[in-house]
Amino acid sequence: MCHLHNERGITYPDITVITRLCKELNISEHEFFTACDDELFHQEKKEVKKYRAIKKWLFYTINIGYLIGLITCFICNLVIDHKLSWFLVVFVSILISFTITSVPFYLKKNQYKWVKIAIIFTFLVYLLLFTIHTVYGGEWLMGSFQIATFVFLFLWLDLLICTFTNIDIHYKISISLILFALVTIYINPFCELVLDIDQNEDNIANFICAVVMVIAAIGIVIKKIGNRVL
């Protein structure tokens, strides 16, 4: 049987067959096509509902897992050490994970969702470093703050560009890749400088990763420009 396709990709029988079929069923052709569209609409609605149910189930599962982990670590820390020590590190770490995995669900309709999440995440990273220093001591705290600040400068620059500029998404991805490439190249030398260590190790692996990201960024831009020319 010959079939026709509409703009939505729905397949219909040949129009002459439809006419005879509608006469047999005692319905109009309009009713026939509307029934096909309704069936597709209900199928799509059912799939969306299923997806939302899975997402909701995953959301609650992750949060319950966080709660179980917190309670378990809290009890173990008190029973073993008779005081709260390493539990504080676990607590802040779980807060960071919660910020990444769960907070976006609460702010899903917020205009500047990722900026607010980034603010919380940035604060918690510094808090985690401070908490680890408080629990275990050492003279590395200020150095770790400087390293974290170095990385966050690039991340925040990328976030602000992606959030508050109207450039095409392809260019935003390219800019992100280039910024990440810069971090990849300079993070090891910066850490050695701040921590005053000399590992005498090359930076070839990081350099190769950075080159790959730059090539990918250039490729995305070239493809975008090529599409616009065509």
C-alpha atoms as a PDB file:
ATOM      1  CA  MET A   1       0.000   0.000   0.000  1.00  0.00           C
ATOM      2  CA  CYS A   2       1.237   3.453  -0.865  1.00  0.00           C
ATOM      3  CA  HIS A   3       1.782   5.850   2.115  1.00  0.00           C
ATOM      4  CA  LEU A   4       1.990   9.586   2.601  1.00  0.00           C
ATOM      5  CA  HIS A   5       4.127  11.467   5.190  1.00  0.00           C
ATOM      6  CA  ASN A   6       3.163  14.762   6.769  1.00  0.00           C
ATOM      7  CA  GLU A   7       5.590  17.357   8.200  1.00  0.00           C
ATOM      8  CA  ARG A   8       5.576  15.677  11.610  1.00  0.00           C
ATOM      9  CA  GLY A   9       6.758  12.387  10.194  1.00  0.00           C
ATOM     10  CA  ILE A  10       3.418  10.643  10.637  1.00  0.00           C
ATOM     11  CA  THR A  11       2.685   8.008   8.018  1.00  0.00           C
ATOM     12  CA  TYR A  12      -0.752   7.935   6.427  1.00  0.00           C
ATOM     13  CA  PRO A  13      -2.211   5.507   3.855  1.00  0.00           C
ATOM     14  CA  ASP A  14      -2.722   6.636   0.276  1.00  0.00           C
ATOM     15  CA  ILE A  15      -5.481   9.274   0.031  1.00  0.00           C
ATOM     16  CA  THR A  16      -7.694   7.120  -2.193  1.00  0.00           C
ATOM     17  CA  VAL A  17      -7.617   4.333   0.353  1.00  0.00           C
ATOM     18  CA  ILE A  18      -8.444   6.800   3.118  1.00  0.00           C
ATOM     19  CA  THR A  19     -11.560   7.963   1.293  1.00  0.00           C
ATOM     20  CA  ARG A  20     -12.886   4.409   0.925  1.00  0.00           C
ATOM     21  CA  LEU A  21     -11.911   3.557   4.500  1.00  0.00           C
ATOM     22  CA  CYS A  22     -13.766   6.583   5.871  1.00  0.00           C
ATOM     23  CA  LYS A  23     -16.890   5.597   3.957  1.00  0.00           C
ATOM     24  CA  GLU A  24     -16.744   2.101   5.408  1.00  0.00           C
ATOM     25  CA  LEU A  25     -16.274   3.467   8.922  1.00  0.00           C
ATOM     26  CA  ASN A  26     -18.885   6.162   8.378  1.00  0.00           C
ATOM     27  CA  ILE A  27     -16.574   8.963   9.460  1.00  0.00           C
ATOM     28  CA  SER A  28     -15.175  12.040   7.751  1.00  0.00           C
ATOM     29  CA  GLU A  29     -11.594  12.327   6.550  1.00  0.00           C
ATOM     30  CA  HIS A  30     -11.041  15.105   9.060  1.00  0.00           C
ATOM     31  CA  GLU A  31     -12.071  12.788  11.911  1.00  0.00           C
ATOM     32  CA  PHE A  32      -9.714  10.129  10.560  1.00  0.00           C
ATOM     33  CA  PHE A  33      -6.648  12.398  10.576  1.00  0.00           C
ATOM     34  CA  THR A  34      -7.581  13.926  13.919  1.00  0.00           C
ATOM     35  CA  ALA A  35      -7.762  10.461  15.453  1.00  0.00           C
ATOM     36  CA  CYS A  36      -4.245   9.702  14.183  1.00  0.00           C
ATOM     37  CA  ASP A  37      -2.905  12.921  15.672  1.00  0.00           C
ATOM     38  CA  ASP A  38      -4.694  12.316  18.973  1.00  0.00           C
ATOM     39  CA  GLU A  39      -3.182   8.865  19.244  1.00  0.00           C
ATOM     40  CA  LEU A  40       0.310  10.267  18.694  1.00  0.00           C
ATOM     41  CA  PHE A  41      -0.348  13.070  21.192  1.00  0.00           C
ATOM     42  CA  HIS A  42      -1.454  10.606  23.884  1.00  0.00           C
ATOM     43  CA  GLN A  43       1.614   8.458  23.201  1.00  0.00           C
ATOM     44  CA  GLU A  44       3.933  11.452  23.568  1.00  0.00           C
ATOM     45  CA  LYS A  45       2.137  12.549  26.732  1.00  0.00           C
ATOM     46  CA  LYS A  46       2.518   9.055  28.171  1.00  0.00           C
ATOM     47  CA  GLU A  47       6.264   9.055  27.441  1.00  0.00           C
ATOM     48  CA  VAL A  48       6.698  12.488  29.032  1.00  0.00           C
ATOM     49  CA  LYS A  49       4.836  11.318  32.134  1.00  0.00           C
ATOM     50  CA  LYS A  50       7.042   8.227  32.327  1.00  0.00           C
ATOM     51  CA  TYR A  51      10.187  10.345  31.991  1.00  0.00           C
ATOM     52  CA  ARG A  52       9.049  12.684  34.768  1.00  0.00           C
ATOM     53  CA  ALA A  53       8.296   9.731  37.038  1.00  0.00           C
ATOM     54  CA  ILE A  54      11.780   8.293  36.474  1.00  0.00           C
ATOM     55  CA  LYS A  55      13.385  11.693  37.098  1.00  0.00           C
ATOM     56  CA  LYS A  56      11.392  12.158  40.287  1.00  0.00           C
ATOM     57  CA  TRP A  57      12.279   8.656  41.487  1.00  0.00           C
ATOM     58  CA  LEU A  58      15.974   9.299  40.776  1.00  0.00           C
ATOM     59  CA  PHE A  59      15.819  12.646  42.584  1.00  0.00           C
ATOM     60  CA  TYR A  60      14.390  11.139  45.768  1.00  0.00           C
ATOM     61  CA  THR A  61      16.737   8.134  45.611  1.00  0.00           C
ATOM     62  CA  ILE A  62      19.817  10.351  45.464  1.00  0.00           C
ATOM     63  CA  ASN A  63      18.628  12.555  48.326  1.00  0.00           C
ATOM     64  CA  ILE A  64      17.747   9.566  50.498  1.00  0.00           C
ATOM     65  CA  GLY A  65      21.222   8.205  49.760  1.00  0.00           C
ATOM     66  CA  TYR A  66      22.753  11.487  50.961  1.00  0.00           C
ATOM     67  CA  LEU A  67      20.698  11.322  54.156  1.00  0.00           C
ATOM     68  CA  ILE A  68      21.647   7.700  54.845  1.00  0.00           C
ATOM     69  CA  GLY A  69      25.314   8.511  54.254  1.00  0.00           C
ATOM     70  CA  LEU A  70      25.190  11.483  56.628  1.00  0.00           C
ATOM     71  CA  ILE A  71      23.487   9.537  59.416  1.00  0.00           C
ATOM     72  CA  THR A  72      25.874   6.585  59.036  1.00  0.00           C
ATOM     73  CA  CYS A  73      29.007   8.764  59.084  1.00  0.00           C
ATOM     74  CA  PHE A  74      27.669  10.820  61.990  1.00  0.00           C
ATOM     75  CA  ILE A  75      27.123   7.707  64.133  1.00  0.00           C
ATOM     76  CA  CYS A  76      30.444   6.103  63.148  1.00  0.00           C
ATOM     77  CA  ASN A  77      32.409   9.262  63.903  1.00  0.00           C
ATOM     78  CA  LEU A  78      30.855   9.582  67.354  1.00  0.00           C
ATOM     79  CA  VAL A  79      31.235   5.884  68.185  1.00  0.00           C
ATOM     80  CA  ILE A  80      34.845   5.593  66.986  1.00  0.00           C
ATOM     81  CA  ASP A  81      36.318   8.994  67.903  1.00  0.00           C
ATOM     82  CA  HIS A  82      33.781  10.109  70.535  1.00  0.00           C
ATOM     83  CA  LYS A  83      33.632  13.506  68.835  1.00  0.00           C
ATOM     84  CA  LEU A  84      32.773  15.051  65.506  1.00  0.00           C
ATOM     85  CA  SER A  85      35.856  15.311  63.315  1.00  0.00           C
ATOM     86  CA  TRP A  86      36.027  13.764  59.848  1.00  0.00           C
ATOM     87  CA  PHE A  87      32.213  13.774  59.697  1.00  0.00           C
ATOM     88  CA  LEU A  88      32.413  17.531  59.120  1.00  0.00           C
ATOM     89  CA  VAL A  89      34.444  16.891  55.962  1.00  0.00           C
ATOM     90  CA  VAL A  90      31.871  14.342  54.793  1.00  0.00           C
ATOM     91  CA  PHE A  91      29.033  16.746  55.587  1.00  0.00           C
ATOM     92  CA  VAL A  92      30.436  19.590  53.464  1.00  0.00           C
ATOM     93  CA  SER A  93      31.346  17.143  50.671  1.00  0.00           C
ATOM     94  CA  ILE A  94      27.767  15.888  50.543  1.00  0.00           C
ATOM     95  CA  LEU A  95      26.537  19.476  50.491  1.00  0.00           C
ATOM     96  CA  ILE A  96      28.672  20.031  47.395  1.00  0.00           C
ATOM     97  CA  SER A  97      27.221  16.919  45.746  1.00  0.00           C
ATOM     98  CA  PHE A  98      23.712  18.011  46.737  1.00  0.00           C
ATOM     99  CA  THR A  99      24.330  21.409  45.139  1.00  0.00           C
ATOM    100  CA  ILE A 100      25.329  19.783  41.849  1.00  0.00           C
ATOM    101  CA  THR A 101      22.701  17.036  41.665  1.00  0.00           C
ATOM    102  CA  SER A 102      19.643  18.329  43.525  1.00  0.00           C
ATOM    103  CA  VAL A 103      19.646  22.133  43.716  1.00  0.00           C
ATOM    104  CA  PRO A 104      19.095  22.447  39.917  1.00  0.00           C
ATOM    105  CA  PHE A 105      15.722  20.701  40.388  1.00  0.00           C
ATOM    106  CA  TYR A 106      14.640  23.323  42.919  1.00  0.00           C
ATOM    107  CA  LEU A 107      15.804  26.203  40.696  1.00  0.00           C
ATOM    108  CA  LYS A 108      14.710  24.741  37.355  1.00  0.00           C
ATOM    109  CA  LYS A 109      12.530  27.760  36.474  1.00  0.00           C
ATOM    110  CA  ASN A 110      14.929  30.378  37.792  1.00  0.00           C
ATOM    111  CA  GLN A 111      16.430  32.728  35.214  1.00  0.00           C
ATOM    112  CA  TYR A 112      19.953  32.706  36.650  1.00  0.00           C
ATOM    113  CA  LYS A 113      19.900  29.174  37.989  1.00  0.00           C
ATOM    114  CA  TRP A 114      23.481  28.238  37.134  1.00  0.00           C
ATOM    115  CA  VAL A 115      24.903  31.492  38.485  1.00  0.00           C
ATOM    116  CA  LYS A 116      23.239  30.876  41.843  1.00  0.00           C
ATOM    117  CA  ILE A 117      24.378  27.251  41.865  1.00  0.00           C
ATOM    118  CA  ALA A 118      27.920  28.380  41.040  1.00  0.00           C
ATOM    119  CA  ILE A 119      27.868  30.844  43.959  1.00  0.00           C
ATOM    120  CA  ILE A 120      26.833  28.093  46.369  1.00  0.00           C
ATOM    121  CA  PHE A 121      29.347  25.646  44.879  1.00  0.00           C
ATOM    122  CA  THR A 122      32.209  28.148  45.084  1.00  0.00           C
ATOM    123  CA  PHE A 123      31.468  28.944  48.720  1.00  0.00           C
ATOM    124  CA  LEU A 124      31.233  25.257  49.651  1.00  0.00           C
ATOM    125  CA  VAL A 125      34.566  24.410  48.003  1.00  0.00           C
ATOM    126  CA  TYR A 126      36.326  27.037  50.124  1.00  0.00           C
ATOM    127  CA  LEU A 127      34.404  25.809  53.169  1.00  0.00           C
ATOM    128  CA  LEU A 128      35.512  22.237  52.432  1.00  0.00           C
ATOM    129  CA  LEU A 129      39.165  23.268  52.260  1.00  0.00           C
ATOM    130  CA  PHE A 130      38.822  25.177  55.521  1.00  0.00           C
ATOM    131  CA  THR A 131      37.055  22.232  57.180  1.00  0.00           C
ATOM    132  CA  ILE A 132      39.760  19.773  56.111  1.00  0.00           C
ATOM    133  CA  HIS A 133      42.401  22.139  57.471  1.00  0.00           C
ATOM    134  CA  THR A 134      40.497  22.516  60.748  1.00  0.00           C
ATOM    135  CA  VAL A 135      40.179  18.750  61.207  1.00  0.00           C
ATOM    136  CA  TYR A 136      43.618  17.617  60.037  1.00  0.00           C
ATOM    137  CA  GLY A 137      45.791  20.737  60.313  1.00  0.00           C
ATOM    138  CA  GLY A 138      48.745  21.587  58.095  1.00  0.00           C
ATOM    139  CA  GLU A 139      50.158  24.686  56.453  1.00  0.00           C
ATOM    140  CA  TRP A 140      48.576  24.276  53.045  1.00  0.00           C
ATOM    141  CA  LEU A 141      45.314  26.208  53.536  1.00  0.00           C
ATOM    142  CA  MET A 142      46.266  29.513  51.881  1.00  0.00           C
ATOM    143  CA  GLY A 143      47.941  27.688  49.025  1.00  0.00           C
ATOM    144  CA  SER A 144      44.808  25.623  48.420  1.00  0.00           C
ATOM    145  CA  PHE A 145      42.721  28.810  48.458  1.00  0.00           C
ATOM    146  CA  GLN A 146      44.971  30.331  45.797  1.00  0.00           C
ATOM    147  CA  ILE A 147      44.740  27.230  43.596  1.00  0.00           C
ATOM    148  CA  ALA A 148      40.957  27.099  43.954  1.00  0.00           C
ATOM    149  CA  THR A 149      40.739  30.802  43.117  1.00  0.00           C
ATOM    150  CA  PHE A 150      42.874  30.284  40.010  1.00  0.00           C
ATOM    151  CA  VAL A 151      40.498  27.599  38.715  1.00  0.00           C
ATOM    152  CA  PHE A 152      37.347  29.499  39.693  1.00  0.00           C
ATOM    153  CA  LEU A 153      38.491  32.594  37.794  1.00  0.00           C
ATOM    154  CA  PHE A 154      38.291  30.640  34.542  1.00  0.00           C
ATOM    155  CA  LEU A 155      35.087  28.849  35.486  1.00  0.00           C
ATOM    156  CA  TRP A 156      33.339  32.064  36.465  1.00  0.00           C
ATOM    157  CA  LEU A 157      34.547  33.848  33.345  1.00  0.00           C
ATOM    158  CA  ASP A 158      33.084  31.029  31.254  1.00  0.00           C
ATOM    159  CA  LEU A 159      29.822  31.038  33.228  1.00  0.00           C
ATOM    160  CA  LEU A 160      29.351  34.794  32.900  1.00  0.00           C
ATOM    161  CA  ILE A 161      30.023  34.680  29.160  1.00  0.00           C
ATOM    162  CA  CYS A 162      27.555  31.830  28.655  1.00  0.00           C
ATOM    163  CA  THR A 163      24.892  33.438  30.862  1.00  0.00           C
ATOM    164  CA  PHE A 164      24.983  37.124  29.992  1.00  0.00           C
ATOM    165  CA  THR A 165      25.933  37.173  26.304  1.00  0.00           C
ATOM    166  CA  ASN A 166      23.734  36.476  23.311  1.00  0.00           C
ATOM    167  CA  ILE A 167      26.362  34.814  21.133  1.00  0.00           C
ATOM    168  CA  ASP A 168      25.536  31.533  19.441  1.00  0.00           C
ATOM    169  CA  ILE A 169      25.717  28.360  21.540  1.00  0.00           C
ATOM    170  CA  HIS A 170      28.451  26.969  19.260  1.00  0.00           C
ATOM    171  CA  TYR A 171      30.695  29.940  20.054  1.00  0.00           C
ATOM    172  CA  LYS A 172      29.949  29.568  23.752  1.00  0.00           C
ATOM    173  CA  ILE A 173      31.048  25.930  23.623  1.00  0.00           C
ATOM    174  CA  SER A 174      34.221  26.929  21.778  1.00  0.00           C
ATOM    175  CA  ILE A 175      35.039  29.611  24.357  1.00  0.00           C
ATOM    176  CA  SER A 176      34.446  27.102  27.159  1.00  0.00           C
ATOM    177  CA  LEU A 177      36.809  24.605  25.567  1.00  0.00           C
ATOM    178  CA  ILE A 178      39.535  27.221  25.158  1.00  0.00           C
ATOM    179  CA  LEU A 179      39.204  28.372  28.776  1.00  0.00           C
ATOM    180  CA  PHE A 180      39.347  24.772  30.019  1.00  0.00           C
ATOM    181  CA  ALA A 181      42.398  24.226  27.827  1.00  0.00           C
ATOM    182  CA  LEU A 182      44.150  27.170  29.517  1.00  0.00           C
ATOM    183  CA  VAL A 183      43.343  25.758  32.953  1.00  0.00           C
ATOM    184  CA  THR A 184      44.632  22.338  31.904  1.00  0.00           C
ATOM    185  CA  ILE A 185      47.956  23.777  30.705  1.00  0.00           C
ATOM    186  CA  TYR A 186      48.675  26.111  33.606  1.00  0.00           C
ATOM    187  CA  ILE A 187      47.205  24.318  36.629  1.00  0.00           C
ATOM    188  CA  ASN A 188      50.255  22.120  37.327  1.00  0.00           C
ATOM    189  CA  PRO A 189      52.847  24.923  37.036  1.00  0.00           C
ATOM    190  CA  PHE A 190      50.637  27.170  39.173  1.00  0.00           C
ATOM    191  CA  CYS A 191      50.312  24.496  41.875  1.00  0.00           C
ATOM    192  CA  GLU A 192      54.089  23.988  41.915  1.00  0.00           C
ATOM    193  CA  LEU A 193      54.598  27.744  42.240  1.00  0.00           C
ATOM    194  CA  VAL A 194      52.045  28.237  45.031  1.00  0.00           C
ATOM    195  CA  LEU A 195      53.029  25.142  47.019  1.00  0.00           C
ATOM    196  CA  ASP A 196      56.740  25.741  46.392  1.00  0.00           C
ATOM    197  CA  ILE A 197      57.400  22.259  45.085  1.00  0.00           C
ATOM    198  CA  ASP A 198      59.531  21.087  42.185  1.00  0.00           C
ATOM    199  CA  GLN A 199      58.376  17.767  40.819  1.00  0.00           C
ATOM    200  CA  ASN A 200      60.536  17.995  37.704  1.00  0.00           C
ATOM    201  CA  GLU A 201      57.721  16.393  35.714  1.00  0.00           C
ATOM    202  CA  ASP A 202      56.750  17.391  32.214  1.00  0.00           C
ATOM    203  CA  ASN A 203      53.307  18.700  31.409  1.00  0.00           C
ATOM    204  CA  ILE A 204      52.924  16.765  28.165  1.00  0.00           C
ATOM    205  CA  ALA A 205      49.692  14.925  29.080  1.00  0.00           C
ATOM    206  CA  ASN A 206      47.943  18.140  30.078  1.00  0.00           C
ATOM    207  CA  PHE A 207      49.304  19.903  27.010  1.00  0.00           C
ATOM    208  CA  ILE A 208      47.941  17.178  24.706  1.00  0.00           C
ATOM    209  CA  CYS A 209      44.501  17.408  26.353  1.00  0.00           C
ATOM    210  CA  ALA A 210      44.561  21.180  25.930  1.00  0.00           C
ATOM    211  CA  VAL A 211      45.509  20.900  22.252  1.00  0.00           C
ATOM    212  CA  VAL A 212      42.639  18.471  21.660  1.00  0.00           C
ATOM    213  CA  MET A 213      40.184  20.908  23.272  1.00  0.00           C
ATOM    214  CA  VAL A 214      41.494  23.833  21.204  1.00  0.00           C
ATOM    215  CA  ILE A 215      41.243  21.804  17.997  1.00  0.00           C
ATOM    216  CA  ALA A 216      37.677  20.829  18.916  1.00  0.00           C
ATOM    217  CA  ALA A 217      36.828  24.495  19.584  1.00  0.00           C
ATOM    218  CA  ILE A 218      38.262  25.576  16.239  1.00  0.00           C
ATOM    219  CA  GLY A 219      36.397  22.750  14.494  1.00  0.00           C
ATOM    220  CA  ILE A 220      33.086  23.832  16.019  1.00  0.00           C
ATOM    221  CA  VAL A 221      33.630  27.437  14.903  1.00  0.00           C
ATOM    222  CA  ILE A 222      34.627  26.416  11.370  1.00  0.00           C
ATOM    223  CA  LYS A 223      31.588  24.136  11.060  1.00  0.00           C
ATOM    224  CA  LYS A 224      29.302  26.902  12.321  1.00  0.00           C
ATOM    225  CA  ILE A 225      30.730  29.444   9.873  1.00  0.00           C
ATOM    226  CA  GLY A 226      30.474  26.893   7.057  1.00  0.00           C
ATOM    227  CA  ASN A 227      26.813  26.263   7.819  1.00  0.00           C
ATOM    228  CA  ARG A 228      26.073  29.981   7.798  1.00  0.00           C
ATOM    229  CA  VAL A 229      27.803  30.405   4.419  1.00  0.00           C
ATOM    230  CA  LEU A 230      25.779  27.554   2.956  1.00  0.00           C
END
